[in-house]
N, C-alpha and C. Protein backbone atom coordinates (compact mmCIF):
# COMPACT_ATOMS: atom_id res chain seq x y z
N UNK A 1 -36.17 -1.71 -12.03
CA UNK A 1 -35.62 -1.34 -10.54
C UNK A 1 -34.42 -0.66 -10.81
N UNK A 2 -34.30 0.55 -9.94
CA UNK A 2 -33.25 1.44 -9.95
C UNK A 2 -32.12 0.84 -8.98
N UNK A 3 -30.95 0.61 -9.51
CA UNK A 3 -29.87 0.08 -8.80
C UNK A 3 -28.85 1.01 -8.47
N UNK A 4 -29.16 2.37 -8.67
CA UNK A 4 -28.11 3.40 -8.36
C UNK A 4 -28.10 3.66 -6.84
N UNK A 5 -26.99 3.69 -6.27
CA UNK A 5 -26.67 3.76 -4.82
C UNK A 5 -27.28 5.11 -4.48
N UNK A 6 -27.92 5.26 -3.21
CA UNK A 6 -28.36 6.36 -2.51
C UNK A 6 -27.37 7.23 -1.85
N UNK A 7 -26.12 6.62 -1.83
CA UNK A 7 -25.02 7.36 -1.13
C UNK A 7 -24.65 8.62 -1.83
N UNK A 8 -24.33 9.65 -1.18
CA UNK A 8 -23.99 10.87 -1.72
C UNK A 8 -22.51 11.32 -1.48
N UNK A 9 -21.70 10.40 -0.97
CA UNK A 9 -20.41 10.62 -0.75
C UNK A 9 -19.61 9.37 -1.26
N UNK A 10 -18.27 9.37 -1.35
CA UNK A 10 -17.47 8.37 -1.82
C UNK A 10 -16.15 8.45 -1.46
N UNK A 11 -15.35 7.41 -1.73
CA UNK A 11 -13.95 7.33 -1.33
C UNK A 11 -13.01 7.66 -2.58
N UNK A 12 -12.17 8.53 -2.50
CA UNK A 12 -11.20 8.78 -3.57
C UNK A 12 -9.95 7.93 -3.22
N UNK A 13 -9.69 6.85 -4.09
CA UNK A 13 -8.62 6.10 -3.93
C UNK A 13 -7.32 6.66 -4.55
N UNK A 14 -6.91 7.76 -4.08
CA UNK A 14 -5.76 8.39 -4.62
C UNK A 14 -5.23 9.23 -3.64
N UNK A 15 -3.75 9.34 -3.56
CA UNK A 15 -3.09 10.17 -2.60
C UNK A 15 -2.71 11.48 -3.38
N UNK A 16 -3.23 11.74 -4.44
CA UNK A 16 -2.81 13.08 -5.26
C UNK A 16 -3.61 14.23 -4.57
N UNK A 17 -2.87 15.26 -4.09
CA UNK A 17 -3.39 16.43 -3.59
C UNK A 17 -4.06 17.13 -4.61
N UNK A 18 -3.70 17.02 -5.86
CA UNK A 18 -4.26 17.78 -7.01
C UNK A 18 -5.68 17.28 -7.16
N UNK A 19 -5.92 15.98 -7.19
CA UNK A 19 -7.25 15.37 -7.48
C UNK A 19 -8.23 15.81 -6.29
N UNK A 20 -7.73 15.62 -5.05
CA UNK A 20 -8.41 16.01 -3.79
C UNK A 20 -8.96 17.40 -3.92
N UNK A 21 -7.93 18.48 -4.34
CA UNK A 21 -8.25 19.77 -4.45
C UNK A 21 -9.41 19.99 -5.57
N UNK A 22 -9.18 19.46 -6.67
CA UNK A 22 -10.24 19.60 -7.82
C UNK A 22 -11.70 19.15 -7.22
N UNK A 23 -11.66 18.03 -6.71
CA UNK A 23 -13.04 17.50 -6.36
C UNK A 23 -13.66 18.45 -5.36
N UNK A 24 -12.70 18.87 -4.38
CA UNK A 24 -13.26 19.84 -3.23
C UNK A 24 -13.74 20.99 -3.75
N UNK A 25 -13.01 21.59 -4.75
CA UNK A 25 -13.44 22.86 -5.24
C UNK A 25 -14.69 22.88 -6.05
N UNK A 26 -15.06 21.57 -6.57
CA UNK A 26 -16.20 21.41 -7.23
C UNK A 26 -17.45 21.00 -6.34
N UNK A 27 -17.20 20.99 -4.92
CA UNK A 27 -18.25 20.70 -3.99
C UNK A 27 -18.61 19.36 -3.64
N UNK A 28 -17.76 18.39 -4.05
CA UNK A 28 -18.01 16.96 -3.73
C UNK A 28 -17.50 16.72 -2.20
N UNK A 29 -18.26 15.89 -1.60
CA UNK A 29 -18.01 15.27 -0.31
C UNK A 29 -17.41 13.84 -0.34
N UNK A 30 -16.25 13.66 0.13
CA UNK A 30 -15.54 12.41 -0.07
C UNK A 30 -14.46 12.08 0.99
N UNK A 31 -14.00 10.96 1.11
CA UNK A 31 -12.80 10.52 1.99
C UNK A 31 -11.77 10.19 1.22
N UNK A 32 -10.56 10.39 1.45
CA UNK A 32 -9.34 10.19 0.83
C UNK A 32 -8.78 8.83 1.47
N UNK A 33 -8.77 7.83 0.73
CA UNK A 33 -8.07 6.52 1.25
C UNK A 33 -7.29 5.94 0.05
N UNK A 34 -5.88 6.32 -0.04
CA UNK A 34 -5.13 5.79 -1.15
C UNK A 34 -5.04 4.19 -1.08
N UNK A 35 -4.73 3.63 -2.18
CA UNK A 35 -4.55 2.18 -2.17
C UNK A 35 -3.32 1.72 -1.32
N UNK A 36 -3.71 0.72 -0.62
CA UNK A 36 -2.57 0.19 0.30
C UNK A 36 -1.48 -0.50 -0.35
N UNK A 37 -1.63 -0.75 -1.52
CA UNK A 37 -0.52 -1.31 -2.53
C UNK A 37 0.07 -0.44 -3.44
N UNK A 38 1.36 -0.32 -3.57
CA UNK A 38 1.87 0.52 -4.72
C UNK A 38 1.48 0.16 -6.06
N UNK A 39 1.16 1.22 -6.88
CA UNK A 39 0.65 0.90 -8.18
C UNK A 39 1.75 0.51 -9.01
N UNK A 40 1.60 -0.27 -10.13
CA UNK A 40 2.56 -0.50 -11.06
C UNK A 40 3.14 0.60 -11.78
N UNK A 41 4.38 0.70 -12.34
CA UNK A 41 4.98 1.80 -13.12
C UNK A 41 4.44 1.65 -14.47
N UNK A 42 3.76 2.84 -14.74
CA UNK A 42 3.14 3.00 -16.12
C UNK A 42 4.12 2.58 -17.30
N UNK A 43 5.35 3.05 -17.01
CA UNK A 43 6.32 2.89 -18.07
C UNK A 43 6.61 1.51 -18.41
N UNK A 44 6.28 0.50 -17.56
CA UNK A 44 6.47 -0.86 -17.75
C UNK A 44 5.35 -1.46 -18.59
N UNK A 45 4.32 -0.84 -18.84
CA UNK A 45 3.09 -1.34 -19.62
C UNK A 45 3.32 -1.27 -21.01
N UNK A 46 2.67 -2.15 -21.73
CA UNK A 46 2.59 -1.99 -23.22
C UNK A 46 1.14 -1.97 -23.66
N UNK A 47 0.80 -1.16 -24.60
CA UNK A 47 -0.59 -1.00 -24.96
C UNK A 47 -1.05 0.47 -25.11
N UNK A 48 -2.23 0.68 -25.56
CA UNK A 48 -2.69 1.93 -25.73
C UNK A 48 -2.74 2.71 -24.39
N UNK A 49 -2.41 4.14 -24.51
CA UNK A 49 -2.38 4.88 -23.17
C UNK A 49 -3.58 4.76 -22.34
N UNK A 50 -4.75 4.92 -23.22
CA UNK A 50 -6.09 4.96 -22.47
C UNK A 50 -6.26 3.52 -21.84
N UNK A 51 -5.80 2.58 -22.35
CA UNK A 51 -6.08 1.11 -21.83
C UNK A 51 -5.19 1.14 -20.57
N UNK A 52 -3.97 1.66 -20.63
CA UNK A 52 -3.03 1.51 -19.49
C UNK A 52 -3.55 2.33 -18.18
N UNK A 53 -4.00 3.58 -18.57
CA UNK A 53 -4.55 4.53 -17.61
C UNK A 53 -5.72 3.98 -16.96
N UNK A 54 -6.64 3.24 -17.73
CA UNK A 54 -7.89 2.71 -16.99
C UNK A 54 -7.41 1.56 -16.28
N UNK A 55 -6.49 0.74 -16.75
CA UNK A 55 -6.10 -0.42 -15.90
C UNK A 55 -5.64 0.03 -14.58
N UNK A 56 -4.84 1.05 -14.63
CA UNK A 56 -4.06 1.61 -13.30
C UNK A 56 -5.17 2.18 -12.40
N UNK A 57 -6.17 2.83 -13.00
CA UNK A 57 -7.17 3.43 -12.15
C UNK A 57 -8.09 2.32 -11.64
N UNK A 58 -8.22 1.23 -12.32
CA UNK A 58 -9.02 0.02 -11.86
C UNK A 58 -8.23 -0.54 -10.67
N UNK A 59 -6.94 -0.77 -10.92
CA UNK A 59 -6.06 -1.35 -9.85
C UNK A 59 -6.20 -0.58 -8.55
N UNK A 60 -6.16 0.67 -8.59
CA UNK A 60 -6.39 1.57 -7.34
C UNK A 60 -7.66 1.34 -6.68
N UNK A 61 -8.71 1.50 -7.59
CA UNK A 61 -10.13 1.33 -6.96
C UNK A 61 -10.44 -0.08 -6.46
N UNK A 62 -9.90 -1.04 -7.01
CA UNK A 62 -10.07 -2.58 -6.49
C UNK A 62 -9.47 -2.66 -5.33
N UNK A 63 -8.24 -2.23 -5.06
CA UNK A 63 -7.43 -2.30 -3.88
C UNK A 63 -8.23 -1.74 -2.54
N UNK A 64 -8.68 -0.53 -2.92
CA UNK A 64 -9.46 0.15 -1.78
C UNK A 64 -10.87 -0.50 -1.60
N UNK A 65 -11.56 -0.81 -2.70
CA UNK A 65 -12.85 -1.58 -2.60
C UNK A 65 -12.69 -2.93 -1.78
N UNK A 66 -11.66 -3.55 -1.73
CA UNK A 66 -11.55 -4.85 -1.02
C UNK A 66 -11.61 -4.52 0.48
N UNK A 67 -11.13 -3.31 0.83
CA UNK A 67 -11.22 -2.95 2.35
C UNK A 67 -12.39 -2.20 2.69
N UNK A 68 -13.15 -1.77 1.63
CA UNK A 68 -14.34 -0.84 1.90
C UNK A 68 -15.39 -1.30 0.93
N UNK A 69 -15.98 -2.50 1.10
CA UNK A 69 -16.73 -3.14 0.14
C UNK A 69 -18.22 -2.56 -0.04
N UNK A 70 -18.66 -1.62 1.02
CA UNK A 70 -20.02 -1.28 0.96
C UNK A 70 -20.13 0.38 0.67
N UNK A 71 -19.20 0.74 -0.08
CA UNK A 71 -19.32 2.22 -0.62
C UNK A 71 -18.78 2.32 -1.90
N UNK A 72 -18.87 3.52 -2.46
CA UNK A 72 -18.43 3.83 -3.76
C UNK A 72 -17.05 4.36 -3.74
N UNK A 73 -16.27 3.87 -4.63
CA UNK A 73 -14.77 4.17 -4.73
C UNK A 73 -14.49 4.81 -6.09
N UNK A 74 -13.86 5.83 -6.11
CA UNK A 74 -13.36 6.30 -7.40
C UNK A 74 -11.71 6.33 -7.50
N UNK A 75 -11.32 5.58 -8.43
CA UNK A 75 -9.82 5.52 -8.63
C UNK A 75 -9.43 6.27 -9.91
N UNK A 76 -8.23 6.88 -9.90
CA UNK A 76 -7.84 7.58 -11.13
C UNK A 76 -6.43 7.57 -11.24
N UNK A 77 -5.96 7.44 -12.55
CA UNK A 77 -4.60 7.46 -12.86
C UNK A 77 -4.08 8.29 -14.06
N UNK A 78 -3.06 8.95 -14.19
CA UNK A 78 -2.70 9.65 -15.33
C UNK A 78 -1.46 9.23 -15.87
N UNK A 79 -1.38 8.92 -17.22
CA UNK A 79 -0.19 8.64 -17.91
C UNK A 79 0.15 9.74 -18.98
N UNK A 80 1.22 9.92 -19.33
CA UNK A 80 1.71 10.74 -20.49
C UNK A 80 2.26 9.98 -21.55
N UNK A 81 1.93 10.17 -22.78
CA UNK A 81 2.42 9.25 -23.83
C UNK A 81 2.96 10.16 -25.01
N UNK A 82 4.14 9.73 -25.47
CA UNK A 82 4.68 10.34 -26.63
C UNK A 82 5.08 9.15 -27.68
N UNK A 83 4.39 9.35 -28.90
CA UNK A 83 4.45 8.10 -29.67
C UNK A 83 4.04 6.77 -28.90
N UNK A 84 4.84 5.84 -28.84
CA UNK A 84 4.49 4.63 -28.36
C UNK A 84 5.12 4.35 -26.81
N UNK A 85 5.58 5.47 -26.47
CA UNK A 85 6.35 5.51 -25.11
C UNK A 85 5.37 6.14 -23.89
N UNK A 86 5.35 5.43 -22.97
CA UNK A 86 4.55 5.81 -21.79
C UNK A 86 5.32 6.39 -20.64
N UNK A 87 5.02 7.46 -20.09
CA UNK A 87 5.69 8.16 -19.04
C UNK A 87 4.69 8.24 -17.79
N UNK A 88 5.15 7.72 -16.72
CA UNK A 88 4.54 7.83 -15.35
C UNK A 88 5.07 8.78 -14.51
N UNK A 89 5.14 8.57 -13.31
CA UNK A 89 5.74 9.45 -12.27
C UNK A 89 7.31 9.34 -12.27
N UNK A 90 8.08 10.29 -12.35
CA UNK A 90 9.62 10.01 -12.38
C UNK A 90 10.15 9.33 -11.09
N UNK A 91 11.12 8.54 -11.31
CA UNK A 91 11.78 7.81 -10.11
C UNK A 91 12.51 8.74 -9.13
N UNK A 92 13.12 9.66 -9.70
CA UNK A 92 14.03 10.67 -9.05
C UNK A 92 14.35 11.90 -9.85
N UNK A 93 15.19 12.65 -9.51
CA UNK A 93 15.44 13.98 -10.18
C UNK A 93 16.02 13.77 -11.78
N UNK A 94 16.91 12.87 -11.76
CA UNK A 94 17.52 12.59 -12.99
C UNK A 94 16.57 11.95 -14.00
N UNK A 95 15.58 11.00 -13.58
CA UNK A 95 14.54 10.66 -14.24
C UNK A 95 13.67 11.69 -14.74
N UNK A 96 13.29 12.72 -13.90
CA UNK A 96 12.45 13.78 -14.16
C UNK A 96 13.21 14.69 -15.24
N UNK A 97 14.49 14.78 -15.15
CA UNK A 97 15.20 15.67 -16.18
C UNK A 97 15.03 14.89 -17.52
N UNK A 98 15.31 13.58 -17.61
CA UNK A 98 15.22 12.87 -18.75
C UNK A 98 13.96 12.95 -19.43
N UNK A 99 12.87 12.85 -18.64
CA UNK A 99 11.41 12.84 -19.33
C UNK A 99 11.17 14.23 -19.76
N UNK A 100 11.43 15.23 -19.04
CA UNK A 100 11.17 16.77 -19.46
C UNK A 100 12.00 17.07 -20.74
N UNK A 101 13.32 16.60 -20.74
CA UNK A 101 14.06 16.96 -21.85
C UNK A 101 13.50 16.37 -23.36
N UNK A 102 12.76 15.28 -23.09
CA UNK A 102 12.18 14.63 -24.25
C UNK A 102 10.86 15.32 -24.46
N UNK A 103 9.98 15.42 -23.51
CA UNK A 103 8.62 15.94 -23.74
C UNK A 103 8.53 17.45 -24.27
N UNK A 104 9.44 18.24 -23.79
CA UNK A 104 9.21 19.62 -23.99
C UNK A 104 9.64 19.90 -25.49
N UNK A 105 10.22 18.86 -26.27
CA UNK A 105 10.41 19.21 -27.65
C UNK A 105 9.40 18.59 -28.55
N UNK A 106 8.36 18.05 -28.05
CA UNK A 106 7.30 17.32 -28.83
C UNK A 106 5.83 17.57 -28.33
N UNK A 107 4.87 17.48 -29.11
CA UNK A 107 3.54 17.44 -28.71
C UNK A 107 3.20 16.15 -28.09
N UNK A 108 2.55 15.94 -26.97
CA UNK A 108 2.34 14.57 -26.33
C UNK A 108 0.91 14.66 -25.80
N UNK A 109 0.57 13.39 -25.42
CA UNK A 109 -0.80 13.25 -24.89
C UNK A 109 -0.76 12.97 -23.36
N UNK A 110 -1.75 13.56 -22.71
CA UNK A 110 -1.90 13.23 -21.33
C UNK A 110 -3.32 12.54 -21.13
N UNK A 111 -3.25 11.27 -20.55
CA UNK A 111 -4.48 10.38 -20.40
C UNK A 111 -4.70 10.08 -19.07
N UNK A 112 -6.12 10.30 -18.62
CA UNK A 112 -6.34 10.09 -17.36
C UNK A 112 -7.52 8.81 -17.48
N UNK A 113 -7.24 7.84 -16.65
CA UNK A 113 -8.37 6.71 -16.53
C UNK A 113 -9.10 7.07 -15.28
N UNK A 114 -10.43 6.82 -15.32
CA UNK A 114 -11.17 6.81 -14.09
C UNK A 114 -12.11 5.56 -13.92
N UNK A 115 -11.98 5.02 -12.87
CA UNK A 115 -12.87 3.78 -12.43
C UNK A 115 -13.66 4.04 -11.23
N UNK A 116 -14.98 3.78 -11.38
CA UNK A 116 -15.67 4.00 -10.24
C UNK A 116 -16.41 2.56 -9.93
N UNK A 117 -16.31 2.09 -8.68
CA UNK A 117 -16.73 0.78 -8.26
C UNK A 117 -17.84 0.96 -7.17
N UNK A 118 -19.10 0.47 -7.23
CA UNK A 118 -20.06 0.71 -6.19
C UNK A 118 -20.19 -0.76 -5.57
N UNK A 119 -19.76 -1.02 -4.41
CA UNK A 119 -19.77 -2.27 -3.77
C UNK A 119 -21.21 -2.64 -3.33
N UNK A 120 -22.10 -1.71 -3.27
CA UNK A 120 -23.32 -2.14 -2.88
C UNK A 120 -24.21 -2.65 -4.02
N UNK A 121 -23.90 -2.34 -5.22
CA UNK A 121 -24.59 -2.79 -6.29
C UNK A 121 -23.79 -3.69 -7.29
N UNK A 122 -22.46 -3.83 -7.01
CA UNK A 122 -21.65 -4.46 -8.04
C UNK A 122 -21.45 -3.82 -9.35
N UNK A 123 -21.91 -2.62 -9.34
CA UNK A 123 -21.72 -1.72 -10.56
C UNK A 123 -20.32 -1.14 -10.73
N UNK A 124 -19.80 -1.11 -11.89
CA UNK A 124 -18.54 -0.21 -12.04
C UNK A 124 -18.59 0.37 -13.33
N UNK A 125 -17.93 1.51 -13.54
CA UNK A 125 -17.73 2.25 -14.84
C UNK A 125 -16.34 2.57 -14.98
N UNK A 126 -15.93 2.48 -16.16
CA UNK A 126 -14.42 2.68 -16.36
C UNK A 126 -14.35 3.63 -17.72
N UNK A 127 -13.87 4.82 -17.69
CA UNK A 127 -13.62 5.67 -18.78
C UNK A 127 -12.22 6.36 -18.82
N UNK A 128 -11.94 7.15 -19.93
CA UNK A 128 -10.75 7.83 -19.95
C UNK A 128 -10.95 9.10 -20.77
N UNK A 129 -10.04 9.99 -20.42
CA UNK A 129 -10.05 11.27 -21.26
C UNK A 129 -8.65 11.61 -21.70
N UNK A 130 -8.45 12.15 -22.73
CA UNK A 130 -7.15 12.59 -23.36
C UNK A 130 -7.06 14.14 -23.73
N UNK A 131 -5.99 14.65 -23.45
CA UNK A 131 -5.63 16.12 -23.78
C UNK A 131 -4.27 16.12 -24.41
N UNK A 132 -4.04 17.19 -25.35
CA UNK A 132 -2.68 17.18 -25.97
C UNK A 132 -2.03 18.47 -25.54
N UNK A 133 -0.80 18.24 -25.25
CA UNK A 133 0.02 19.40 -24.72
C UNK A 133 1.25 19.59 -25.61
N UNK A 134 1.45 20.92 -25.98
CA UNK A 134 2.73 21.27 -26.68
C UNK A 134 3.39 22.19 -25.68
N UNK A 135 4.68 21.83 -25.23
CA UNK A 135 5.41 22.67 -24.24
C UNK A 135 6.28 23.59 -24.94
N UNK A 136 6.48 24.77 -24.22
CA UNK A 136 7.56 25.80 -24.66
C UNK A 136 8.71 25.16 -24.00
N UNK A 137 9.91 24.94 -24.88
CA UNK A 137 11.08 24.37 -24.30
C UNK A 137 11.74 25.23 -23.29
N UNK A 138 11.98 24.62 -22.13
CA UNK A 138 12.71 25.27 -21.13
C UNK A 138 14.26 25.60 -21.57
N UNK A 139 14.77 26.75 -21.03
CA UNK A 139 16.23 26.86 -21.20
C UNK A 139 16.82 26.03 -20.17
N UNK A 140 18.09 25.66 -20.43
CA UNK A 140 18.97 24.85 -19.44
C UNK A 140 18.70 25.35 -17.95
N UNK A 141 18.78 26.71 -17.96
CA UNK A 141 18.64 27.36 -16.46
C UNK A 141 17.24 27.03 -15.81
N UNK A 142 16.17 27.34 -16.81
CA UNK A 142 14.75 26.99 -16.33
C UNK A 142 14.71 25.52 -15.92
N UNK A 143 15.18 24.62 -16.81
CA UNK A 143 15.22 23.18 -16.39
C UNK A 143 15.85 22.79 -15.09
N UNK A 144 16.91 23.39 -14.90
CA UNK A 144 17.74 23.16 -13.64
C UNK A 144 16.92 23.69 -12.49
N UNK A 145 16.33 24.84 -12.57
CA UNK A 145 15.49 25.44 -11.48
C UNK A 145 14.25 24.58 -11.39
N UNK A 146 13.65 24.10 -12.32
CA UNK A 146 12.40 23.28 -12.15
C UNK A 146 12.79 22.05 -11.36
N UNK A 147 13.86 21.35 -11.88
CA UNK A 147 14.17 20.15 -11.13
C UNK A 147 14.58 20.49 -9.72
N UNK A 148 15.32 21.35 -9.46
CA UNK A 148 15.73 21.86 -8.08
C UNK A 148 14.40 22.10 -7.18
N UNK A 149 13.34 22.69 -7.79
CA UNK A 149 12.26 22.92 -7.05
C UNK A 149 11.45 21.78 -6.41
N UNK A 150 11.57 20.68 -7.15
CA UNK A 150 11.05 19.39 -6.80
C UNK A 150 9.55 19.43 -7.05
N UNK A 151 9.06 20.23 -8.12
CA UNK A 151 7.68 20.23 -8.38
C UNK A 151 7.41 19.10 -9.24
N UNK A 152 8.25 18.52 -9.78
CA UNK A 152 8.02 17.34 -10.56
C UNK A 152 7.64 16.00 -9.83
N UNK A 153 7.90 16.06 -8.52
CA UNK A 153 7.68 14.93 -7.71
C UNK A 153 6.25 14.39 -7.85
N UNK A 154 5.95 13.17 -8.10
CA UNK A 154 4.67 12.54 -7.97
C UNK A 154 3.87 12.86 -9.08
N UNK A 155 4.36 13.47 -10.28
CA UNK A 155 3.62 14.03 -11.46
C UNK A 155 3.80 13.11 -12.63
N UNK A 156 2.79 12.65 -13.27
CA UNK A 156 2.88 11.95 -14.42
C UNK A 156 3.54 12.87 -15.55
N UNK A 157 4.81 12.46 -16.21
CA UNK A 157 5.46 13.34 -17.23
C UNK A 157 6.47 14.21 -16.45
N UNK A 158 6.37 14.28 -15.13
CA UNK A 158 7.26 15.18 -14.35
C UNK A 158 7.13 16.62 -14.47
N UNK A 159 5.86 17.03 -14.81
CA UNK A 159 5.52 18.39 -14.73
C UNK A 159 4.01 18.65 -14.36
N UNK A 160 3.57 19.66 -13.84
CA UNK A 160 2.19 20.14 -13.55
C UNK A 160 1.78 21.20 -14.43
N UNK A 161 0.84 21.07 -15.21
CA UNK A 161 0.33 22.04 -16.04
C UNK A 161 0.13 23.39 -15.29
N UNK A 162 -0.34 23.20 -13.93
CA UNK A 162 -0.57 24.45 -13.00
C UNK A 162 0.60 25.08 -12.54
N UNK A 163 1.72 24.47 -12.64
CA UNK A 163 2.96 25.03 -11.96
C UNK A 163 3.39 26.29 -13.00
N UNK A 164 3.96 27.13 -12.35
CA UNK A 164 4.51 28.53 -12.99
C UNK A 164 3.66 29.21 -13.93
N UNK A 165 2.30 29.18 -13.52
CA UNK A 165 1.37 29.91 -14.31
C UNK A 165 1.37 29.45 -15.85
N UNK A 166 1.68 28.19 -16.04
CA UNK A 166 1.56 27.60 -17.37
C UNK A 166 2.68 28.04 -18.30
N UNK A 167 3.81 28.72 -17.83
CA UNK A 167 4.63 29.43 -18.81
C UNK A 167 5.46 28.40 -19.72
N UNK A 168 5.27 27.13 -19.21
CA UNK A 168 5.94 26.14 -20.04
C UNK A 168 5.03 25.32 -21.15
N UNK A 169 3.69 25.76 -21.03
CA UNK A 169 2.68 25.09 -21.82
C UNK A 169 2.34 26.06 -22.94
N UNK A 170 2.68 25.70 -24.20
CA UNK A 170 2.44 26.50 -25.26
C UNK A 170 1.07 26.38 -25.86
N UNK A 171 0.56 25.05 -25.77
CA UNK A 171 -0.83 24.88 -26.31
C UNK A 171 -1.39 23.63 -25.46
N UNK A 172 -2.67 23.82 -25.24
CA UNK A 172 -3.32 22.60 -24.52
C UNK A 172 -4.65 22.47 -25.43
N UNK A 173 -4.84 21.18 -25.80
CA UNK A 173 -6.09 20.84 -26.49
C UNK A 173 -6.77 19.88 -25.80
N UNK A 174 -7.95 20.28 -25.15
CA UNK A 174 -8.75 19.24 -24.28
C UNK A 174 -8.85 19.85 -22.91
N UNK A 175 -9.14 18.98 -22.12
CA UNK A 175 -9.58 19.46 -20.66
C UNK A 175 -8.31 19.75 -19.88
N UNK A 176 -8.30 20.99 -19.26
CA UNK A 176 -7.19 21.49 -18.51
C UNK A 176 -7.17 20.57 -17.21
N UNK A 177 -8.37 20.29 -16.67
CA UNK A 177 -8.28 19.66 -15.27
C UNK A 177 -7.76 18.09 -15.56
N UNK A 178 -7.91 17.59 -16.73
CA UNK A 178 -7.41 16.32 -17.04
C UNK A 178 -5.84 16.36 -16.93
N UNK A 179 -5.22 17.30 -17.45
CA UNK A 179 -3.74 17.41 -17.27
C UNK A 179 -3.32 17.71 -15.93
N UNK A 180 -4.18 18.38 -15.23
CA UNK A 180 -3.90 18.51 -13.74
C UNK A 180 -4.09 17.14 -13.05
N UNK A 181 -4.76 16.32 -13.47
CA UNK A 181 -4.90 14.94 -12.74
C UNK A 181 -6.32 14.27 -12.78
N UNK A 182 -7.28 15.14 -13.01
CA UNK A 182 -8.68 14.47 -13.08
C UNK A 182 -9.56 15.43 -14.06
N UNK A 183 -10.08 14.75 -15.10
CA UNK A 183 -10.91 15.36 -15.91
C UNK A 183 -12.36 15.65 -15.20
N UNK A 184 -12.52 16.94 -14.74
CA UNK A 184 -13.76 17.00 -13.82
C UNK A 184 -14.99 16.87 -14.56
N UNK A 185 -15.04 17.20 -15.82
CA UNK A 185 -16.25 17.09 -16.70
C UNK A 185 -16.74 15.65 -16.79
N UNK A 186 -15.64 14.73 -17.15
CA UNK A 186 -15.97 13.41 -17.16
C UNK A 186 -16.20 12.76 -15.83
N UNK A 187 -15.53 13.03 -14.85
CA UNK A 187 -15.63 12.67 -13.43
C UNK A 187 -17.12 12.88 -12.87
N UNK A 188 -17.46 14.24 -13.10
CA UNK A 188 -18.78 14.49 -12.64
C UNK A 188 -19.82 13.76 -13.32
N UNK A 189 -19.72 13.65 -14.68
CA UNK A 189 -20.74 12.77 -15.45
C UNK A 189 -20.86 11.46 -15.02
N UNK A 190 -19.71 10.84 -14.61
CA UNK A 190 -19.62 9.42 -14.06
C UNK A 190 -20.23 9.29 -12.69
N UNK A 191 -19.87 10.25 -12.00
CA UNK A 191 -20.43 10.11 -10.51
C UNK A 191 -21.96 10.29 -10.45
N UNK A 192 -22.48 11.05 -11.38
CA UNK A 192 -23.94 11.43 -11.36
C UNK A 192 -24.66 10.16 -11.76
N UNK A 193 -24.11 9.20 -12.32
CA UNK A 193 -24.70 8.00 -12.75
C UNK A 193 -24.78 7.01 -11.52
N UNK A 194 -24.02 7.24 -10.43
CA UNK A 194 -23.90 6.60 -9.28
C UNK A 194 -24.80 7.33 -8.32
N UNK A 195 -25.50 8.55 -8.52
CA UNK A 195 -26.33 9.21 -7.62
C UNK A 195 -25.47 10.29 -6.85
N UNK A 196 -24.29 10.61 -7.24
CA UNK A 196 -23.42 11.43 -6.45
C UNK A 196 -23.45 12.76 -7.30
N UNK A 197 -23.81 13.87 -6.54
CA UNK A 197 -23.59 15.22 -7.20
C UNK A 197 -22.96 16.09 -6.08
N UNK A 198 -22.28 17.14 -6.73
CA UNK A 198 -21.60 18.09 -5.73
C UNK A 198 -22.56 18.65 -4.77
N UNK A 199 -22.29 18.83 -3.48
CA UNK A 199 -23.11 19.16 -2.45
C UNK A 199 -23.58 20.65 -2.62
N UNK A 200 -22.67 21.54 -3.30
CA UNK A 200 -22.89 23.01 -3.18
C UNK A 200 -23.45 23.38 -4.71
N UNK A 201 -23.85 22.42 -5.51
CA UNK A 201 -24.24 22.72 -6.87
C UNK A 201 -25.49 23.51 -6.88
N UNK A 202 -25.47 24.65 -7.66
CA UNK A 202 -26.70 25.54 -7.71
C UNK A 202 -27.63 24.65 -8.41
N UNK A 203 -28.90 24.82 -8.03
CA UNK A 203 -30.14 24.17 -8.71
C UNK A 203 -30.66 24.99 -9.80
């Protein structure tokens, strides 16, 4: 018996405009409903980065699934890891400065967890993807300008790889879209297992 849902749309349980933009660009139809409960701070977790990212993505998906039990939910969360230290979204400008001042001198990992829950079948799938980033250190003036710009707001690790035409990224090993906020290759593969395909995909 095939228990894959026949629904072709889903709910994105994330307020991230970057995840929304990536999925839209790839032709998916979905509704955005962020979790009604604030997610825990990734920096307070202990454990492997992938485990933390998947746990946070599941938290988001489950919170929305409770309110919308008859549809498919996709939750995602991204954490940045340097050695054993996890970095989530900065609390304020000074926190963003602290995080960037550390990360830009080291190669670090960007990990996104994805959780898909189908309330119709009680199926769920949880996966993660990792990319490695080496940044070009910012000058003090560049760091000041970036902090002043506010582009760090709401971004794990206090930066976006898509900002400033990647001038601060020296090397990226892995999925570019993972660093933006959602590894589309993995997300597309996972959604396909729930019967969801991009609406404008060429056959």
